[in-house]
Structure formats: C-alpha cells, structure tokens
C-alpha cells in the first residue's frame, strides 16, 4: 500500500492547448489562479468588477497547456478549461 502521493507534473497532464473561461459573476479576485499558473496565462485586472473585485483575466491564451491548475485551485469554481480535443 502506498502512503505517499506522486507530485503533480503539468507536463504529464498537459497534452494540448486550452481555452480558459472565467465566470466574472463568481470570481472574487483571490489571485490563486494567477499565482499558480505555470505558464503565466492569467493576470489580475486593474479594473474593478461591479462587486468591487479585481478579476482574473486571460493575458495570453496561446500559452495555455490545459494543465488545469487554475481550474482546480479556484475556491469559487469560477474557471473552466476547454481543450481543443473536446467537442
């Protein structure tokens, strides 16, 4: 029985480019997605949302590997990744 977990490696998981969808109604601007993105796809907006938050926005979607870090780390479930393999 294994008592340890294998570290997550985005290079193993990422197989294709991805498209990032951010739900602006759910995003509270915590910045976890920006901080943990290995390819710096996201950045924090300088503009405030109607609720008063600085939202995460897509900076350069062409860099996205669809690793899913941002999707998993978001506490508000405001991010969804779609790969080019999905229909």
PDB file of N, CA and C in Angstrom:
ATOM      1  N   UNK A   1       0.844  -1.174   0.000  1.00  0.00           N
ATOM      2  CA  UNK A   1       0.000   0.000   0.000  1.00  0.00           C
ATOM      3  C   UNK A   1       0.893   1.243   0.000  1.00  0.00           C
ATOM      4  N   UNK A   2       0.626   2.170  -0.930  1.00  0.00           N
ATOM      5  CA  UNK A   2       1.380   3.419  -0.990  1.00  0.00           C
ATOM      6  C   UNK A   2       0.832   4.406   0.035  1.00  0.00           C
ATOM      7  N   UNK A   3       1.746   5.051   0.730  1.00  0.00           N
ATOM      8  CA  UNK A   3       1.345   6.047   1.713  1.00  0.00           C
ATOM      9  C   UNK A   3       1.764   7.450   1.302  1.00  0.00           C
ATOM     10  N   UNK A   4       2.196   7.615   0.076  1.00  0.00           N
ATOM     11  CA  UNK A   4       2.591   8.930  -0.412  1.00  0.00           C
ATOM     12  C   UNK A   4       1.939   9.162  -1.764  1.00  0.00           C
ATOM     13  N   UNK A   5       1.834  10.412  -2.110  1.00  0.00           N
ATOM     14  CA  UNK A   5       1.236  10.755  -3.397  1.00  0.00           C
ATOM     15  C   UNK A   5       2.319  11.216  -4.352  1.00  0.00           C
ATOM     16  N   UNK A   6       2.108  10.943  -5.596  1.00  0.00           N
ATOM     17  CA  UNK A   6       3.031  11.388  -6.637  1.00  0.00           C
ATOM     18  C   UNK A   6       2.807  12.876  -6.892  1.00  0.00           C
ATOM     19  N   UNK A   7       3.869  13.667  -6.957  1.00  0.00           N
ATOM     20  CA  UNK A   7       3.700  15.093  -7.256  1.00  0.00           C
ATOM     21  C   UNK A   7       3.057  15.290  -8.631  1.00  0.00           C
ATOM     22  N   UNK A   8       2.197  16.279  -8.720  1.00  0.00           N
ATOM     23  CA  UNK A   8       1.515  16.584  -9.971  1.00  0.00           C
ATOM     24  C   UNK A   8       2.475  17.328 -10.889  1.00  0.00           C
ATOM     25  N   UNK A   9       2.630  16.844 -12.086  1.00  0.00           N
ATOM     26  CA  UNK A   9       3.522  17.475 -13.054  1.00  0.00           C
ATOM     27  C   UNK A   9       2.678  17.931 -14.239  1.00  0.00           C
ATOM     28  N   UNK A  10       2.609  19.241 -14.455  1.00  0.00           N
ATOM     29  CA  UNK A  10       1.748  19.745 -15.521  1.00  0.00           C
ATOM     30  C   UNK A  10       2.193  19.260 -16.892  1.00  0.00           C
ATOM     31  N   UNK A  11       3.468  18.946 -17.071  1.00  0.00           N
ATOM     32  CA  UNK A  11       3.955  18.477 -18.371  1.00  0.00           C
ATOM     33  C   UNK A  11       3.363  17.114 -18.717  1.00  0.00           C
ATOM     34  N   UNK A  12       3.111  16.284 -17.700  1.00  0.00           N
ATOM     35  CA  UNK A  12       2.494  14.978 -17.945  1.00  0.00           C
ATOM     36  C   UNK A  12       1.022  15.131 -18.290  1.00  0.00           C
ATOM     37  N   UNK A  13       0.317  16.024 -17.592  1.00  0.00           N
ATOM     38  CA  UNK A  13      -1.113  16.175 -17.787  1.00  0.00           C
ATOM     39  C   UNK A  13      -1.443  16.950 -19.062  1.00  0.00           C
ATOM     40  N   UNK A  14      -0.702  17.975 -19.337  1.00  0.00           N
ATOM     41  CA  UNK A  14      -0.997  18.836 -20.473  1.00  0.00           C
ATOM     42  C   UNK A  14      -0.668  18.134 -21.782  1.00  0.00           C
ATOM     43  N   UNK A  15      -1.670  17.995 -22.613  1.00  0.00           N
ATOM     44  CA  UNK A  15      -1.474  17.301 -23.877  1.00  0.00           C
ATOM     45  C   UNK A  15      -1.782  18.181 -25.083  1.00  0.00           C
ATOM     46  N   UNK A  16      -2.503  19.257 -24.863  1.00  0.00           N
ATOM     47  CA  UNK A  16      -2.926  20.092 -25.975  1.00  0.00           C
ATOM     48  C   UNK A  16      -3.165  21.512 -25.485  1.00  0.00           C
ATOM     49  N   UNK A  17      -3.408  22.405 -26.398  1.00  0.00           N
ATOM     50  CA  UNK A  17      -3.697  23.778 -25.988  1.00  0.00           C
ATOM     51  C   UNK A  17      -5.111  23.865 -25.424  1.00  0.00           C
ATOM     52  N   UNK A  18      -5.332  24.873 -24.624  1.00  0.00           N
ATOM     53  CA  UNK A  18      -6.632  25.005 -23.987  1.00  0.00           C
ATOM     54  C   UNK A  18      -7.208  26.390 -24.137  1.00  0.00           C
ATOM     55  N   UNK A  19      -8.484  26.485 -23.818  1.00  0.00           N
ATOM     56  CA  UNK A  19      -9.186  27.755 -23.828  1.00  0.00           C
ATOM     57  C   UNK A  19      -9.716  27.985 -22.415  1.00  0.00           C
ATOM     58  N   UNK A  20      -9.463  29.167 -21.867  1.00  0.00           N
ATOM     59  CA  UNK A  20      -9.815  29.478 -20.485  1.00  0.00           C
ATOM     60  C   UNK A  20     -11.097  30.302 -20.451  1.00  0.00           C
ATOM     61  N   UNK A  21     -12.051  29.851 -19.639  1.00  0.00           N
ATOM     62  CA  UNK A  21     -13.294  30.585 -19.438  1.00  0.00           C
ATOM     63  C   UNK A  21     -13.374  30.993 -17.975  1.00  0.00           C
ATOM     64  N   UNK A  22     -13.539  32.289 -17.707  1.00  0.00           N
ATOM     65  CA  UNK A  22     -13.640  32.795 -16.342  1.00  0.00           C
ATOM     66  C   UNK A  22     -15.038  33.367 -16.141  1.00  0.00           C
ATOM     67  N   UNK A  23     -15.753  32.844 -15.134  1.00  0.00           N
ATOM     68  CA  UNK A  23     -17.085  33.331 -14.792  1.00  0.00           C
ATOM     69  C   UNK A  23     -16.923  34.579 -13.927  1.00  0.00           C
ATOM     70  N   UNK A  24     -17.176  35.739 -14.500  1.00  0.00           N
ATOM     71  CA  UNK A  24     -16.964  37.003 -13.799  1.00  0.00           C
ATOM     72  C   UNK A  24     -17.921  37.186 -12.629  1.00  0.00           C
ATOM     73  N   UNK A  25     -19.055  36.489 -12.645  1.00  0.00           N
ATOM     74  CA  UNK A  25     -20.002  36.568 -11.531  1.00  0.00           C
ATOM     75  C   UNK A  25     -19.472  35.841 -10.297  1.00  0.00           C
ATOM     76  N   UNK A  26     -18.678  34.804 -10.510  1.00  0.00           N
ATOM     77  CA  UNK A  26     -18.161  34.007  -9.394  1.00  0.00           C
ATOM     78  C   UNK A  26     -16.788  34.450  -8.910  1.00  0.00           C
ATOM     79  N   UNK A  27     -15.974  34.997  -9.789  1.00  0.00           N
ATOM     80  CA  UNK A  27     -14.597  35.360  -9.449  1.00  0.00           C
ATOM     81  C   UNK A  27     -14.575  36.442  -8.377  1.00  0.00           C
ATOM     82  N   UNK A  28     -13.796  36.194  -7.327  1.00  0.00           N
ATOM     83  CA  UNK A  28     -13.664  37.160  -6.234  1.00  0.00           C
ATOM     84  C   UNK A  28     -12.273  37.783  -6.196  1.00  0.00           C
ATOM     85  N   UNK A  29     -11.445  37.511  -7.202  1.00  0.00           N
ATOM     86  CA  UNK A  29     -10.146  38.158  -7.307  1.00  0.00           C
ATOM     87  C   UNK A  29      -9.121  37.715  -6.290  1.00  0.00           C
ATOM     88  N   UNK A  30      -9.165  36.457  -5.872  1.00  0.00           N
ATOM     89  CA  UNK A  30      -8.206  35.973  -4.868  1.00  0.00           C
ATOM     90  C   UNK A  30      -6.789  35.892  -5.430  1.00  0.00           C
ATOM     91  N   UNK A  31      -6.664  35.647  -6.743  1.00  0.00           N
ATOM     92  CA  UNK A  31      -5.355  35.617  -7.388  1.00  0.00           C
ATOM     93  C   UNK A  31      -4.644  34.281  -7.351  1.00  0.00           C
ATOM     94  N   UNK A  32      -5.269  33.247  -6.792  1.00  0.00           N
ATOM     95  CA  UNK A  32      -4.634  31.925  -6.753  1.00  0.00           C
ATOM     96  C   UNK A  32      -4.325  31.419  -8.157  1.00  0.00           C
ATOM     97  N   UNK A  33      -5.246  31.607  -9.075  1.00  0.00           N
ATOM     98  CA  UNK A  33      -5.054  31.117 -10.442  1.00  0.00           C
ATOM     99  C   UNK A  33      -3.852  31.794 -11.100  1.00  0.00           C
ATOM    100  N   UNK A  34      -3.712  33.081 -10.877  1.00  0.00           N
ATOM    101  CA  UNK A  34      -2.596  33.837 -11.451  1.00  0.00           C
ATOM    102  C   UNK A  34      -1.282  33.376 -10.836  1.00  0.00           C
ATOM    103  N   UNK A  35      -1.285  33.176  -9.527  1.00  0.00           N
ATOM    104  CA  UNK A  35      -0.072  32.790  -8.813  1.00  0.00           C
ATOM    105  C   UNK A  35       0.407  31.390  -9.185  1.00  0.00           C
ATOM    106  N   UNK A  36      -0.514  30.455  -9.393  1.00  0.00           N
ATOM    107  CA  UNK A  36      -0.132  29.065  -9.611  1.00  0.00           C
ATOM    108  C   UNK A  36      -0.067  28.639 -11.072  1.00  0.00           C
ATOM    109  N   UNK A  37      -0.435  29.502 -12.004  1.00  0.00           N
ATOM    110  CA  UNK A  37      -0.359  29.144 -13.424  1.00  0.00           C
ATOM    111  C   UNK A  37       1.109  29.013 -13.835  1.00  0.00           C
ATOM    112  N   UNK A  38       1.520  27.834 -14.312  1.00  0.00           N
ATOM    113  CA  UNK A  38       2.928  27.641 -14.662  1.00  0.00           C
ATOM    114  C   UNK A  38       3.352  28.379 -15.931  1.00  0.00           C
ATOM    115  N   UNK A  39       2.407  28.829 -16.736  1.00  0.00           N
ATOM    116  CA  UNK A  39       2.736  29.488 -18.000  1.00  0.00           C
ATOM    117  C   UNK A  39       2.351  30.967 -18.053  1.00  0.00           C
ATOM    118  N   UNK A  40       1.906  31.532 -16.941  1.00  0.00           N
ATOM    119  CA  UNK A  40       1.513  32.943 -16.859  1.00  0.00           C
ATOM    120  C   UNK A  40       0.463  33.316 -17.906  1.00  0.00           C
ATOM    121  N   UNK A  41      -0.572  32.500 -17.990  1.00  0.00           N
ATOM    122  CA  UNK A  41      -1.662  32.740 -18.934  1.00  0.00           C
ATOM    123  C   UNK A  41      -2.605  33.818 -18.402  1.00  0.00           C
ATOM    124  N   UNK A  42      -2.776  33.875 -17.090  1.00  0.00           N
ATOM    125  CA  UNK A  42      -3.725  34.793 -16.470  1.00  0.00           C
ATOM    126  C   UNK A  42      -3.013  35.954 -15.788  1.00  0.00           C
ATOM    127  N   UNK A  43      -3.747  37.034 -15.606  1.00  0.00           N
ATOM    128  CA  UNK A  43      -3.248  38.176 -14.841  1.00  0.00           C
ATOM    129  C   UNK A  43      -4.439  38.798 -14.119  1.00  0.00           C
ATOM    130  N   UNK A  44      -4.154  39.648 -13.148  1.00  0.00           N
ATOM    131  CA  UNK A  44      -5.212  40.336 -12.421  1.00  0.00           C
ATOM    132  C   UNK A  44      -5.567  41.620 -13.171  1.00  0.00           C
ATOM    133  N   UNK A  45      -6.842  41.870 -13.315  1.00  0.00           N
ATOM    134  CA  UNK A  45      -7.324  43.066 -13.995  1.00  0.00           C
ATOM    135  C   UNK A  45      -7.103  44.290 -13.107  1.00  0.00           C
ATOM    136  N   UNK A  46      -6.886  45.419 -13.721  1.00  0.00           N
ATOM    137  CA  UNK A  46      -6.755  46.666 -12.966  1.00  0.00           C
ATOM    138  C   UNK A  46      -8.118  47.316 -12.742  1.00  0.00           C
ATOM    139  N   UNK A  47      -9.116  46.880 -13.512  1.00  0.00           N
ATOM    140  CA  UNK A  47     -10.468  47.421 -13.375  1.00  0.00           C
ATOM    141  C   UNK A  47     -11.243  46.623 -12.334  1.00  0.00           C
ATOM    142  N   UNK A  48     -12.148  47.294 -11.640  1.00  0.00           N
ATOM    143  CA  UNK A  48     -12.979  46.634 -10.638  1.00  0.00           C
ATOM    144  C   UNK A  48     -14.262  46.107 -11.270  1.00  0.00           C
ATOM    145  N   UNK A  49     -14.712  44.964 -10.767  1.00  0.00           N
ATOM    146  CA  UNK A  49     -15.990  44.410 -11.195  1.00  0.00           C
ATOM    147  C   UNK A  49     -17.110  45.186 -10.496  1.00  0.00           C
ATOM    148  N   UNK A  50     -18.368  44.984 -10.895  1.00  0.00           N
ATOM    149  CA  UNK A  50     -19.477  45.655 -10.200  1.00  0.00           C
ATOM    150  C   UNK A  50     -19.527  45.327  -8.700  1.00  0.00           C
ATOM    151  N   UNK A  51     -18.970  44.171  -8.316  1.00  0.00           N
ATOM    152  CA  UNK A  51     -18.947  43.787  -6.900  1.00  0.00           C
ATOM    153  C   UNK A  51     -17.736  44.363  -6.171  1.00  0.00           C
ATOM    154  N   UNK A  52     -16.820  45.001  -6.897  1.00  0.00           N
ATOM    155  CA  UNK A  52     -15.665  45.637  -6.281  1.00  0.00           C
ATOM    156  C   UNK A  52     -14.405  44.798  -6.225  1.00  0.00           C
ATOM    157  N   UNK A  53     -14.331  43.737  -7.041  1.00  0.00           N
ATOM    158  CA  UNK A  53     -13.165  42.859  -7.062  1.00  0.00           C
ATOM    159  C   UNK A  53     -12.304  43.124  -8.297  1.00  0.00           C
ATOM    160  N   UNK A  54     -11.004  42.951  -8.155  1.00  0.00           N
ATOM    161  CA  UNK A  54     -10.111  42.905  -9.313  1.00  0.00           C
ATOM    162  C   UNK A  54     -10.149  41.476  -9.829  1.00  0.00           C
ATOM    163  N   UNK A  55     -10.703  41.264 -10.985  1.00  0.00           N
ATOM    164  CA  UNK A  55     -10.896  39.921 -11.517  1.00  0.00           C
ATOM    165  C   UNK A  55      -9.654  39.404 -12.222  1.00  0.00           C
ATOM    166  N   UNK A  56      -9.566  38.092 -12.305  1.00  0.00           N
ATOM    167  CA  UNK A  56      -8.539  37.453 -13.125  1.00  0.00           C
ATOM    168  C   UNK A  56      -8.997  37.525 -14.575  1.00  0.00           C
ATOM    169  N   UNK A  57      -8.076  37.820 -15.463  1.00  0.00           N
ATOM    170  CA  UNK A  57      -8.378  37.875 -16.893  1.00  0.00           C
ATOM    171  C   UNK A  57      -7.304  37.108 -17.655  1.00  0.00           C
ATOM    172  N   UNK A  58      -7.657  36.688 -18.847  1.00  0.00           N
ATOM    173  CA  UNK A  58      -6.719  35.948 -19.688  1.00  0.00           C
ATOM    174  C   UNK A  58      -5.738  36.931 -20.313  1.00  0.00           C
ATOM    175  N   UNK A  59      -4.468  36.672 -20.112  1.00  0.00           N
ATOM    176  CA  UNK A  59      -3.410  37.530 -20.650  1.00  0.00           C
ATOM    177  C   UNK A  59      -2.940  37.024 -22.008  1.00  0.00           C
ATOM    178  N   UNK A  60      -2.632  35.732 -22.103  1.00  0.00           N
ATOM    179  CA  UNK A  60      -2.129  35.150 -23.347  1.00  0.00           C
ATOM    180  C   UNK A  60      -2.581  33.696 -23.432  1.00  0.00           C
ATOM    181  N   UNK A  61      -3.737  33.487 -24.050  1.00  0.00           N
ATOM    182  CA  UNK A  61      -4.330  32.153 -24.107  1.00  0.00           C
ATOM    183  C   UNK A  61      -3.505  31.177 -24.944  1.00  0.00           C
ATOM    184  N   UNK A  62      -2.668  31.678 -25.827  1.00  0.00           N
ATOM    185  CA  UNK A  62      -1.855  30.792 -26.666  1.00  0.00           C
ATOM    186  C   UNK A  62      -0.836  30.008 -25.843  1.00  0.00           C
ATOM    187  N   UNK A  63      -0.504  30.483 -24.646  1.00  0.00           N
ATOM    188  CA  UNK A  63       0.438  29.779 -23.772  1.00  0.00           C
ATOM    189  C   UNK A  63      -0.214  28.641 -22.988  1.00  0.00           C
ATOM    190  N   UNK A  64      -1.538  28.596 -22.940  1.00  0.00           N
ATOM    191  CA  UNK A  64      -2.264  27.633 -22.103  1.00  0.00           C
ATOM    192  C   UNK A  64      -2.029  26.198 -22.568  1.00  0.00           C
ATOM    193  N   UNK A  65      -1.639  25.345 -21.612  1.00  0.00           N
ATOM    194  CA  UNK A  65      -1.413  23.924 -21.889  1.00  0.00           C
ATOM    195  C   UNK A  65      -2.569  23.051 -21.429  1.00  0.00           C
ATOM    196  N   UNK A  66      -3.616  23.654 -20.905  1.00  0.00           N
ATOM    197  CA  UNK A  66      -4.771  22.938 -20.370  1.00  0.00           C
ATOM    198  C   UNK A  66      -4.374  22.002 -19.233  1.00  0.00           C
ATOM    199  N   UNK A  67      -3.427  22.439 -18.398  1.00  0.00           N
ATOM    200  CA  UNK A  67      -2.993  21.609 -17.270  1.00  0.00           C
ATOM    201  C   UNK A  67      -4.064  21.549 -16.190  1.00  0.00           C
ATOM    202  N   UNK A  68      -4.893  22.572 -16.094  1.00  0.00           N
ATOM    203  CA  UNK A  68      -5.991  22.568 -15.140  1.00  0.00           C
ATOM    204  C   UNK A  68      -5.653  23.091 -13.756  1.00  0.00           C
ATOM    205  N   UNK A  69      -4.438  23.582 -13.541  1.00  0.00           N
ATOM    206  CA  UNK A  69      -4.071  24.120 -12.224  1.00  0.00           C
ATOM    207  C   UNK A  69      -5.049  25.204 -11.789  1.00  0.00           C
ATOM    208  N   UNK A  70      -5.313  26.160 -12.660  1.00  0.00           N
ATOM    209  CA  UNK A  70      -6.179  27.282 -12.301  1.00  0.00           C
ATOM    210  C   UNK A  70      -7.595  26.804 -11.983  1.00  0.00           C
ATOM    211  N   UNK A  71      -8.065  25.842 -12.744  1.00  0.00           N
ATOM    212  CA  UNK A  71      -9.411  25.308 -12.557  1.00  0.00           C
ATOM    213  C   UNK A  71      -9.544  24.606 -11.209  1.00  0.00           C
ATOM    214  N   UNK A  72      -8.525  23.857 -10.826  1.00  0.00           N
ATOM    215  CA  UNK A  72      -8.548  23.099  -9.577  1.00  0.00           C
ATOM    216  C   UNK A  72      -8.343  24.005  -8.365  1.00  0.00           C
ATOM    217  N   UNK A  73      -7.496  25.011  -8.489  1.00  0.00           N
ATOM    218  CA  UNK A  73      -7.133  25.847  -7.337  1.00  0.00           C
ATOM    219  C   UNK A  73      -8.187  26.905  -7.022  1.00  0.00           C
ATOM    220  N   UNK A  74      -9.062  27.220  -7.954  1.00  0.00           N
ATOM    221  CA  UNK A  74     -10.057  28.278  -7.754  1.00  0.00           C
ATOM    222  C   UNK A  74     -11.075  27.883  -6.681  1.00  0.00           C
ATOM    223  N   UNK A  75     -11.129  28.614  -5.550  1.00  0.00           N
ATOM    224  CA  UNK A  75     -12.062  28.264  -4.481  1.00  0.00           C
ATOM    225  C   UNK A  75     -13.519  28.575  -4.824  1.00  0.00           C
ATOM    226  N   UNK A  76     -13.752  29.392  -5.823  1.00  0.00           N
ATOM    227  CA  UNK A  76     -15.111  29.782  -6.210  1.00  0.00           C
ATOM    228  C   UNK A  76     -15.618  29.025  -7.438  1.00  0.00           C
ATOM    229  N   UNK A  77     -14.823  28.109  -7.982  1.00  0.00           N
ATOM    230  CA  UNK A  77     -15.177  27.342  -9.184  1.00  0.00           C
ATOM    231  C   UNK A  77     -15.544  28.273 -10.341  1.00  0.00           C
ATOM    232  N   UNK A  78     -14.763  29.343 -10.486  1.00  0.00           N
ATOM    233  CA  UNK A  78     -15.049  30.360 -11.497  1.00  0.00           C
ATOM    234  C   UNK A  78     -14.301  30.133 -12.803  1.00  0.00           C
ATOM    235  N   UNK A  79     -13.446  29.106 -12.861  1.00  0.00           N
ATOM    236  CA  UNK A  79     -12.630  28.883 -14.056  1.00  0.00           C
ATOM    237  C   UNK A  79     -12.936  27.520 -14.649  1.00  0.00           C
ATOM    238  N   UNK A  80     -13.056  27.508 -15.969  1.00  0.00           N
ATOM    239  CA  UNK A  80     -13.239  26.251 -16.695  1.00  0.00           C
ATOM    240  C   UNK A  80     -12.261  26.241 -17.859  1.00  0.00           C
ATOM    241  N   UNK A  81     -11.617  25.096 -18.054  1.00  0.00           N
ATOM    242  CA  UNK A  81     -10.677  24.926 -19.159  1.00  0.00           C
ATOM    243  C   UNK A  81     -11.313  24.008 -20.196  1.00  0.00           C
ATOM    244  N   UNK A  82     -11.269  24.415 -21.427  1.00  0.00           N
ATOM    245  CA  UNK A  82     -11.754  23.598 -22.532  1.00  0.00           C
ATOM    246  C   UNK A  82     -10.571  23.304 -23.444  1.00  0.00           C
ATOM    247  N   UNK A  83     -10.373  22.039 -23.752  1.00  0.00           N
ATOM    248  CA  UNK A  83      -9.274  21.676 -24.640  1.00  0.00           C
ATOM    249  C   UNK A  83      -9.775  21.601 -26.069  1.00  0.00           C
ATOM    250  N   UNK A  84      -8.853  21.648 -27.003  1.00  0.00           N
ATOM    251  CA  UNK A  84      -9.233  21.574 -28.411  1.00  0.00           C
ATOM    252  C   UNK A  84      -9.698  20.173 -28.782  1.00  0.00           C
ATOM    253  N   UNK A  85      -9.426  19.186 -27.918  1.00  0.00           N
ATOM    254  CA  UNK A  85      -9.881  17.821 -28.169  1.00  0.00           C
ATOM    255  C   UNK A  85     -11.350  17.640 -27.831  1.00  0.00           C
ATOM    256  N   UNK A  86     -11.902  18.511 -26.964  1.00  0.00           N
ATOM    257  CA  UNK A  86     -13.300  18.396 -26.566  1.00  0.00           C
ATOM    258  C   UNK A  86     -14.204  18.906 -27.669  1.00  0.00           C
ATOM    259  N   UNK A  87     -15.386  18.335 -27.730  1.00  0.00           N
ATOM    260  CA  UNK A  87     -16.375  18.781 -28.721  1.00  0.00           C
ATOM    261  C   UNK A  87     -17.544  19.411 -28.027  1.00  0.00           C
TER     262      UNK A  87
END
